[in-house]
Amino acid sequence: MNRSLFKQFFTPILSLFASFSTLICCALPALLITLGMGAALASIISVFPWITIISKYKIEIFITAGFMIFFSIILFLKERKSPCPSDAKLANLCSKLRYINLTMLYISSILYLIGFFFAFLATKIF
């Protein structure tokens, strides 16, 4: 169960963290500039100066985040048909973890796509 717990819980958390980093690195600054909130962006950067350092490595961040999300999806698809334990409490935990896993994968994918749009496509459109 420990190995399954790792596959069903920690890999989606890592993919969610990675996709959230793509939002912070690229989508948030692009959104603020698009909305004419350059002063707000400047104050955010003065409080969190590491955002500019992260933005320099946006291609590497997107590749890593995409790989983590892809790896999480592969693990989810592999584990979704495996049986849950016969114990009622463990079976309940197993089904809840699968639901949480699926929800986190959806959220991660949506955040990743939003970050990808603002980092690479919005600059070409606007």
N, C-alpha and C. Protein backbone atom coordinates (compact mmCIF):
# COMPACT_ATOMS: atom_id res chain seq x y z
N MET A 1 0.82 -1.20 0.00
CA MET A 1 0.00 0.00 0.00
C MET A 1 0.86 1.26 0.00
N ASN A 2 2.05 1.21 0.60
CA ASN A 2 2.90 2.39 0.65
C ASN A 2 3.35 2.81 -0.74
N ARG A 3 3.67 1.85 -1.58
CA ARG A 3 4.09 2.18 -2.94
C ARG A 3 2.93 2.77 -3.73
N SER A 4 1.76 2.18 -3.55
CA SER A 4 0.57 2.70 -4.22
C SER A 4 0.21 4.08 -3.69
N LEU A 5 0.38 4.29 -2.40
CA LEU A 5 0.13 5.61 -1.82
C LEU A 5 1.06 6.65 -2.44
N PHE A 6 2.32 6.28 -2.64
CA PHE A 6 3.26 7.20 -3.28
C PHE A 6 2.81 7.52 -4.69
N LYS A 7 2.44 6.50 -5.44
CA LYS A 7 2.03 6.71 -6.83
C LYS A 7 0.75 7.54 -6.92
N GLN A 8 -0.18 7.32 -6.00
CA GLN A 8 -1.47 7.98 -6.10
C GLN A 8 -1.50 9.34 -5.43
N PHE A 9 -0.55 9.65 -4.60
CA PHE A 9 -0.63 10.91 -3.87
C PHE A 9 0.53 11.85 -4.15
N PHE A 10 1.74 11.37 -4.08
CA PHE A 10 2.89 12.27 -4.19
C PHE A 10 3.21 12.69 -5.61
N THR A 11 3.03 11.82 -6.59
CA THR A 11 3.31 12.25 -7.96
C THR A 11 2.34 13.32 -8.45
N PRO A 12 1.04 13.25 -8.13
CA PRO A 12 0.17 14.38 -8.52
C PRO A 12 0.52 15.68 -7.79
N ILE A 13 0.97 15.57 -6.55
CA ILE A 13 1.38 16.78 -5.84
C ILE A 13 2.59 17.40 -6.52
N LEU A 14 3.53 16.59 -6.94
CA LEU A 14 4.71 17.11 -7.65
C LEU A 14 4.31 17.75 -8.97
N SER A 15 3.39 17.13 -9.69
CA SER A 15 2.96 17.72 -10.96
C SER A 15 2.19 19.01 -10.73
N LEU A 16 1.39 19.06 -9.67
CA LEU A 16 0.67 20.29 -9.35
C LEU A 16 1.64 21.41 -8.98
N PHE A 17 2.65 21.09 -8.20
CA PHE A 17 3.68 22.07 -7.84
C PHE A 17 4.42 22.56 -9.08
N ALA A 18 4.75 21.65 -9.98
CA ALA A 18 5.46 22.04 -11.19
C ALA A 18 4.60 22.92 -12.09
N SER A 19 3.33 22.58 -12.24
CA SER A 19 2.47 23.40 -13.08
C SER A 19 2.20 24.76 -12.44
N PHE A 20 2.13 24.81 -11.11
CA PHE A 20 1.96 26.08 -10.41
C PHE A 20 3.19 26.96 -10.60
N SER A 21 4.37 26.35 -10.68
CA SER A 21 5.59 27.13 -10.91
C SER A 21 5.59 27.74 -12.30
N THR A 22 4.96 27.08 -13.27
CA THR A 22 4.87 27.68 -14.60
C THR A 22 3.96 28.90 -14.58
N LEU A 23 2.94 28.86 -13.74
CA LEU A 23 2.07 30.04 -13.60
C LEU A 23 2.82 31.21 -12.99
N ILE A 24 3.56 30.93 -11.92
CA ILE A 24 4.29 31.99 -11.24
C ILE A 24 5.37 32.57 -12.14
N CYS A 25 6.06 31.72 -12.84
CA CYS A 25 7.19 32.16 -13.65
C CYS A 25 6.75 32.98 -14.85
N CYS A 26 5.71 32.59 -15.50
CA CYS A 26 5.44 33.19 -16.80
C CYS A 26 4.03 33.76 -16.96
N ALA A 27 3.03 33.05 -16.47
CA ALA A 27 1.66 33.50 -16.71
C ALA A 27 1.29 34.71 -15.87
N LEU A 28 1.67 34.73 -14.61
CA LEU A 28 1.32 35.85 -13.74
C LEU A 28 1.92 37.17 -14.23
N PRO A 29 3.22 37.24 -14.54
CA PRO A 29 3.75 38.51 -15.06
C PRO A 29 3.10 38.93 -16.38
N ALA A 30 2.86 37.96 -17.28
CA ALA A 30 2.24 38.31 -18.56
C ALA A 30 0.81 38.81 -18.36
N LEU A 31 0.08 38.20 -17.46
CA LEU A 31 -1.29 38.62 -17.19
C LEU A 31 -1.32 40.03 -16.60
N LEU A 32 -0.44 40.28 -15.64
CA LEU A 32 -0.43 41.61 -15.02
C LEU A 32 -0.05 42.70 -16.02
N ILE A 33 0.90 42.41 -16.88
CA ILE A 33 1.29 43.40 -17.90
C ILE A 33 0.15 43.60 -18.89
N THR A 34 -0.52 42.53 -19.29
CA THR A 34 -1.63 42.63 -20.23
C THR A 34 -2.76 43.47 -19.66
N LEU A 35 -3.01 43.35 -18.37
CA LEU A 35 -4.08 44.12 -17.73
C LEU A 35 -3.66 45.53 -17.36
N GLY A 36 -2.43 45.90 -17.68
CA GLY A 36 -1.95 47.24 -17.38
C GLY A 36 -1.57 47.44 -15.93
N MET A 37 -1.18 46.38 -15.29
CA MET A 37 -0.83 46.44 -13.88
C MET A 37 0.68 46.29 -13.69
N GLY A 38 1.44 47.05 -14.44
CA GLY A 38 2.90 46.99 -14.36
C GLY A 38 3.43 47.38 -12.99
N ALA A 39 2.78 48.34 -12.34
CA ALA A 39 3.22 48.75 -11.00
C ALA A 39 3.01 47.63 -10.00
N ALA A 40 1.92 46.91 -10.14
CA ALA A 40 1.68 45.76 -9.25
C ALA A 40 2.73 44.69 -9.47
N LEU A 41 3.09 44.47 -10.72
CA LEU A 41 4.14 43.49 -11.02
C LEU A 41 5.47 43.93 -10.44
N ALA A 42 5.77 45.21 -10.55
CA ALA A 42 7.02 45.72 -9.99
C ALA A 42 7.07 45.54 -8.47
N SER A 43 5.96 45.76 -7.80
CA SER A 43 5.96 45.57 -6.35
C SER A 43 6.04 44.10 -5.99
N ILE A 44 5.43 43.22 -6.77
CA ILE A 44 5.55 41.78 -6.52
C ILE A 44 6.99 41.34 -6.70
N ILE A 45 7.65 41.84 -7.74
CA ILE A 45 9.05 41.47 -7.98
C ILE A 45 9.96 42.02 -6.90
N SER A 46 9.63 43.19 -6.35
CA SER A 46 10.46 43.72 -5.27
C SER A 46 10.32 42.89 -3.99
N VAL A 47 9.15 42.29 -3.79
CA VAL A 47 8.96 41.43 -2.61
C VAL A 47 9.51 40.03 -2.87
N PHE A 48 9.31 39.52 -4.08
CA PHE A 48 9.77 38.18 -4.46
C PHE A 48 10.73 38.29 -5.64
N PRO A 49 11.99 38.63 -5.43
CA PRO A 49 12.91 38.84 -6.55
C PRO A 49 13.28 37.55 -7.29
N TRP A 50 13.02 36.40 -6.70
CA TRP A 50 13.36 35.14 -7.35
C TRP A 50 12.47 34.85 -8.55
N ILE A 51 11.37 35.61 -8.72
CA ILE A 51 10.50 35.40 -9.88
C ILE A 51 11.25 35.70 -11.17
N THR A 52 12.10 36.72 -11.17
CA THR A 52 12.85 37.03 -12.38
C THR A 52 13.90 35.96 -12.68
N ILE A 53 14.46 35.37 -11.64
CA ILE A 53 15.44 34.29 -11.86
C ILE A 53 14.75 33.08 -12.45
N ILE A 54 13.56 32.76 -11.94
CA ILE A 54 12.81 31.62 -12.47
C ILE A 54 12.42 31.88 -13.93
N SER A 55 12.08 33.11 -14.26
CA SER A 55 11.65 33.43 -15.63
C SER A 55 12.75 33.23 -16.65
N LYS A 56 13.99 33.32 -16.23
CA LYS A 56 15.10 33.11 -17.16
C LYS A 56 15.17 31.66 -17.63
N TYR A 57 14.63 30.74 -16.83
CA TYR A 57 14.70 29.32 -17.15
C TYR A 57 13.32 28.76 -17.49
N LYS A 58 12.51 29.53 -18.20
CA LYS A 58 11.14 29.11 -18.44
C LYS A 58 11.04 27.89 -19.35
N ILE A 59 11.93 27.74 -20.29
CA ILE A 59 11.87 26.57 -21.16
C ILE A 59 12.15 25.30 -20.35
N GLU A 60 13.17 25.35 -19.51
CA GLU A 60 13.50 24.19 -18.68
C GLU A 60 12.38 23.88 -17.69
N ILE A 61 11.77 24.93 -17.15
CA ILE A 61 10.67 24.73 -16.21
C ILE A 61 9.48 24.07 -16.91
N PHE A 62 9.16 24.53 -18.12
CA PHE A 62 8.03 23.94 -18.83
C PHE A 62 8.31 22.50 -19.26
N ILE A 63 9.52 22.21 -19.66
CA ILE A 63 9.86 20.83 -20.02
C ILE A 63 9.76 19.92 -18.80
N THR A 64 10.31 20.37 -17.67
CA THR A 64 10.25 19.56 -16.44
C THR A 64 8.82 19.39 -15.97
N ALA A 65 8.05 20.46 -15.98
CA ALA A 65 6.65 20.37 -15.53
C ALA A 65 5.84 19.47 -16.46
N GLY A 66 6.06 19.59 -17.75
CA GLY A 66 5.35 18.73 -18.70
C GLY A 66 5.70 17.26 -18.50
N PHE A 67 6.98 16.98 -18.24
CA PHE A 67 7.39 15.61 -17.98
C PHE A 67 6.76 15.08 -16.70
N MET A 68 6.70 15.91 -15.66
CA MET A 68 6.10 15.46 -14.39
C MET A 68 4.61 15.20 -14.55
N ILE A 69 3.91 16.05 -15.27
CA ILE A 69 2.49 15.84 -15.49
C ILE A 69 2.27 14.59 -16.33
N PHE A 70 3.06 14.42 -17.37
CA PHE A 70 2.95 13.23 -18.22
C PHE A 70 3.22 11.96 -17.42
N PHE A 71 4.24 12.00 -16.57
CA PHE A 71 4.56 10.85 -15.72
C PHE A 71 3.43 10.55 -14.75
N SER A 72 2.82 11.57 -14.19
CA SER A 72 1.69 11.38 -13.28
C SER A 72 0.48 10.79 -14.01
N ILE A 73 0.24 11.23 -15.22
CA ILE A 73 -0.88 10.69 -16.00
C ILE A 73 -0.63 9.22 -16.33
N ILE A 74 0.60 8.89 -16.70
CA ILE A 74 0.94 7.48 -16.99
C ILE A 74 0.73 6.62 -15.75
N LEU A 75 1.19 7.08 -14.60
CA LEU A 75 0.99 6.32 -13.36
C LEU A 75 -0.48 6.20 -13.01
N PHE A 76 -1.24 7.27 -13.22
CA PHE A 76 -2.67 7.20 -12.93
C PHE A 76 -3.36 6.19 -13.83
N LEU A 77 -3.05 6.22 -15.11
CA LEU A 77 -3.69 5.29 -16.03
C LEU A 77 -3.29 3.85 -15.73
N LYS A 78 -2.07 3.66 -15.29
CA LYS A 78 -1.60 2.31 -14.96
C LYS A 78 -2.26 1.79 -13.68
N GLU A 79 -2.45 2.66 -12.70
CA GLU A 79 -2.97 2.24 -11.40
C GLU A 79 -4.50 2.28 -11.29
N ARG A 80 -5.19 2.90 -12.23
CA ARG A 80 -6.63 3.08 -12.06
C ARG A 80 -7.41 1.78 -12.13
N LYS A 81 -6.88 0.77 -12.82
CA LYS A 81 -7.58 -0.50 -12.93
C LYS A 81 -7.10 -1.52 -11.92
N SER A 82 -6.12 -1.17 -11.13
CA SER A 82 -5.66 -2.11 -10.12
C SER A 82 -6.69 -2.16 -8.99
N PRO A 83 -6.84 -3.32 -8.40
CA PRO A 83 -7.88 -3.44 -7.36
C PRO A 83 -7.48 -2.74 -6.07
N CYS A 84 -8.48 -2.24 -5.38
CA CYS A 84 -8.27 -1.67 -4.06
C CYS A 84 -8.23 -2.80 -3.04
N PRO A 85 -7.66 -2.57 -1.86
CA PRO A 85 -7.63 -3.62 -0.84
C PRO A 85 -9.04 -4.05 -0.42
N SER A 86 -9.14 -5.23 0.13
CA SER A 86 -10.45 -5.75 0.54
C SER A 86 -10.93 -5.17 1.87
N ASP A 87 -10.02 -4.64 2.65
CA ASP A 87 -10.41 -4.00 3.90
C ASP A 87 -11.24 -2.75 3.58
N ALA A 88 -12.33 -2.56 4.31
CA ALA A 88 -13.26 -1.46 4.00
C ALA A 88 -12.61 -0.09 4.15
N LYS A 89 -11.83 0.11 5.20
CA LYS A 89 -11.18 1.42 5.40
C LYS A 89 -10.15 1.70 4.33
N LEU A 90 -9.35 0.68 4.01
CA LEU A 90 -8.33 0.87 2.97
C LEU A 90 -8.96 1.02 1.59
N ALA A 91 -10.05 0.33 1.35
CA ALA A 91 -10.75 0.48 0.07
C ALA A 91 -11.32 1.89 -0.07
N ASN A 92 -11.86 2.41 1.02
CA ASN A 92 -12.39 3.77 1.02
C ASN A 92 -11.27 4.79 0.77
N LEU A 93 -10.14 4.58 1.45
CA LEU A 93 -8.99 5.45 1.25
C LEU A 93 -8.48 5.37 -0.18
N CYS A 94 -8.46 4.16 -0.73
CA CYS A 94 -8.00 3.97 -2.10
C CYS A 94 -8.88 4.72 -3.09
N SER A 95 -10.19 4.61 -2.94
CA SER A 95 -11.09 5.30 -3.87
C SER A 95 -11.01 6.82 -3.71
N LYS A 96 -10.84 7.30 -2.47
CA LYS A 96 -10.68 8.74 -2.27
C LYS A 96 -9.39 9.25 -2.89
N LEU A 97 -8.31 8.48 -2.74
CA LEU A 97 -7.03 8.88 -3.33
C LEU A 97 -7.10 8.92 -4.85
N ARG A 98 -7.83 7.99 -5.43
CA ARG A 98 -7.97 8.01 -6.89
C ARG A 98 -8.74 9.24 -7.35
N TYR A 99 -9.77 9.61 -6.61
CA TYR A 99 -10.53 10.80 -6.96
C TYR A 99 -9.66 12.06 -6.80
N ILE A 100 -8.93 12.14 -5.70
CA ILE A 100 -8.04 13.28 -5.47
C ILE A 100 -6.96 13.34 -6.54
N ASN A 101 -6.45 12.19 -6.91
CA ASN A 101 -5.42 12.11 -7.95
C ASN A 101 -5.95 12.65 -9.27
N LEU A 102 -7.14 12.22 -9.65
CA LEU A 102 -7.72 12.67 -10.90
C LEU A 102 -7.98 14.18 -10.88
N THR A 103 -8.48 14.68 -9.75
CA THR A 103 -8.73 16.12 -9.61
C THR A 103 -7.43 16.91 -9.72
N MET A 104 -6.39 16.43 -9.05
CA MET A 104 -5.10 17.13 -9.10
C MET A 104 -4.49 17.08 -10.50
N LEU A 105 -4.69 15.99 -11.21
CA LEU A 105 -4.18 15.93 -12.59
C LEU A 105 -4.91 16.91 -13.49
N TYR A 106 -6.22 17.04 -13.32
CA TYR A 106 -6.96 18.03 -14.10
C TYR A 106 -6.48 19.44 -13.78
N ILE A 107 -6.37 19.75 -12.52
CA ILE A 107 -5.92 21.10 -12.12
C ILE A 107 -4.51 21.36 -12.64
N SER A 108 -3.61 20.39 -12.51
CA SER A 108 -2.24 20.55 -12.99
C SER A 108 -2.20 20.80 -14.49
N SER A 109 -2.99 20.03 -15.22
CA SER A 109 -3.00 20.19 -16.68
C SER A 109 -3.55 21.56 -17.08
N ILE A 110 -4.59 22.01 -16.42
CA ILE A 110 -5.16 23.32 -16.74
C ILE A 110 -4.18 24.44 -16.40
N LEU A 111 -3.55 24.36 -15.24
CA LEU A 111 -2.56 25.38 -14.87
C LEU A 111 -1.38 25.37 -15.84
N TYR A 112 -0.95 24.20 -16.24
CA TYR A 112 0.16 24.09 -17.20
C TYR A 112 -0.21 24.72 -18.54
N LEU A 113 -1.41 24.44 -19.02
CA LEU A 113 -1.83 25.00 -20.30
C LEU A 113 -1.99 26.52 -20.23
N ILE A 114 -2.49 27.03 -19.12
CA ILE A 114 -2.59 28.49 -18.95
C ILE A 114 -1.20 29.11 -18.95
N GLY A 115 -0.28 28.52 -18.21
CA GLY A 115 1.10 29.02 -18.19
C GLY A 115 1.74 28.94 -19.55
N PHE A 116 1.51 27.84 -20.28
CA PHE A 116 2.08 27.69 -21.62
C PHE A 116 1.53 28.75 -22.57
N PHE A 117 0.24 29.01 -22.47
CA PHE A 117 -0.36 30.03 -23.33
C PHE A 117 0.27 31.39 -23.09
N PHE A 118 0.37 31.80 -21.83
CA PHE A 118 0.91 33.12 -21.55
C PHE A 118 2.41 33.20 -21.79
N ALA A 119 3.13 32.11 -21.62
CA ALA A 119 4.58 32.16 -21.79
C ALA A 119 5.01 32.14 -23.25
N PHE A 120 4.28 31.39 -24.09
CA PHE A 120 4.75 31.19 -25.45
C PHE A 120 3.79 31.69 -26.53
N LEU A 121 2.51 31.59 -26.32
CA LEU A 121 1.56 31.93 -27.38
C LEU A 121 1.04 33.36 -27.28
N ALA A 122 0.82 33.87 -26.09
CA ALA A 122 0.24 35.21 -25.94
C ALA A 122 1.19 36.29 -26.46
N THR A 123 2.48 36.05 -26.37
CA THR A 123 3.44 37.05 -26.88
C THR A 123 3.36 37.16 -28.40
N LYS A 124 2.98 36.09 -29.06
CA LYS A 124 2.86 36.12 -30.52
C LYS A 124 1.51 36.70 -30.97
N ILE A 125 0.48 36.52 -30.14
CA ILE A 125 -0.86 36.99 -30.49
C ILE A 125 -1.00 38.48 -30.24
N PHE A 126 -0.55 38.92 -29.07
CA PHE A 126 -0.72 40.32 -28.69
C PHE A 126 0.48 41.05 -29.12
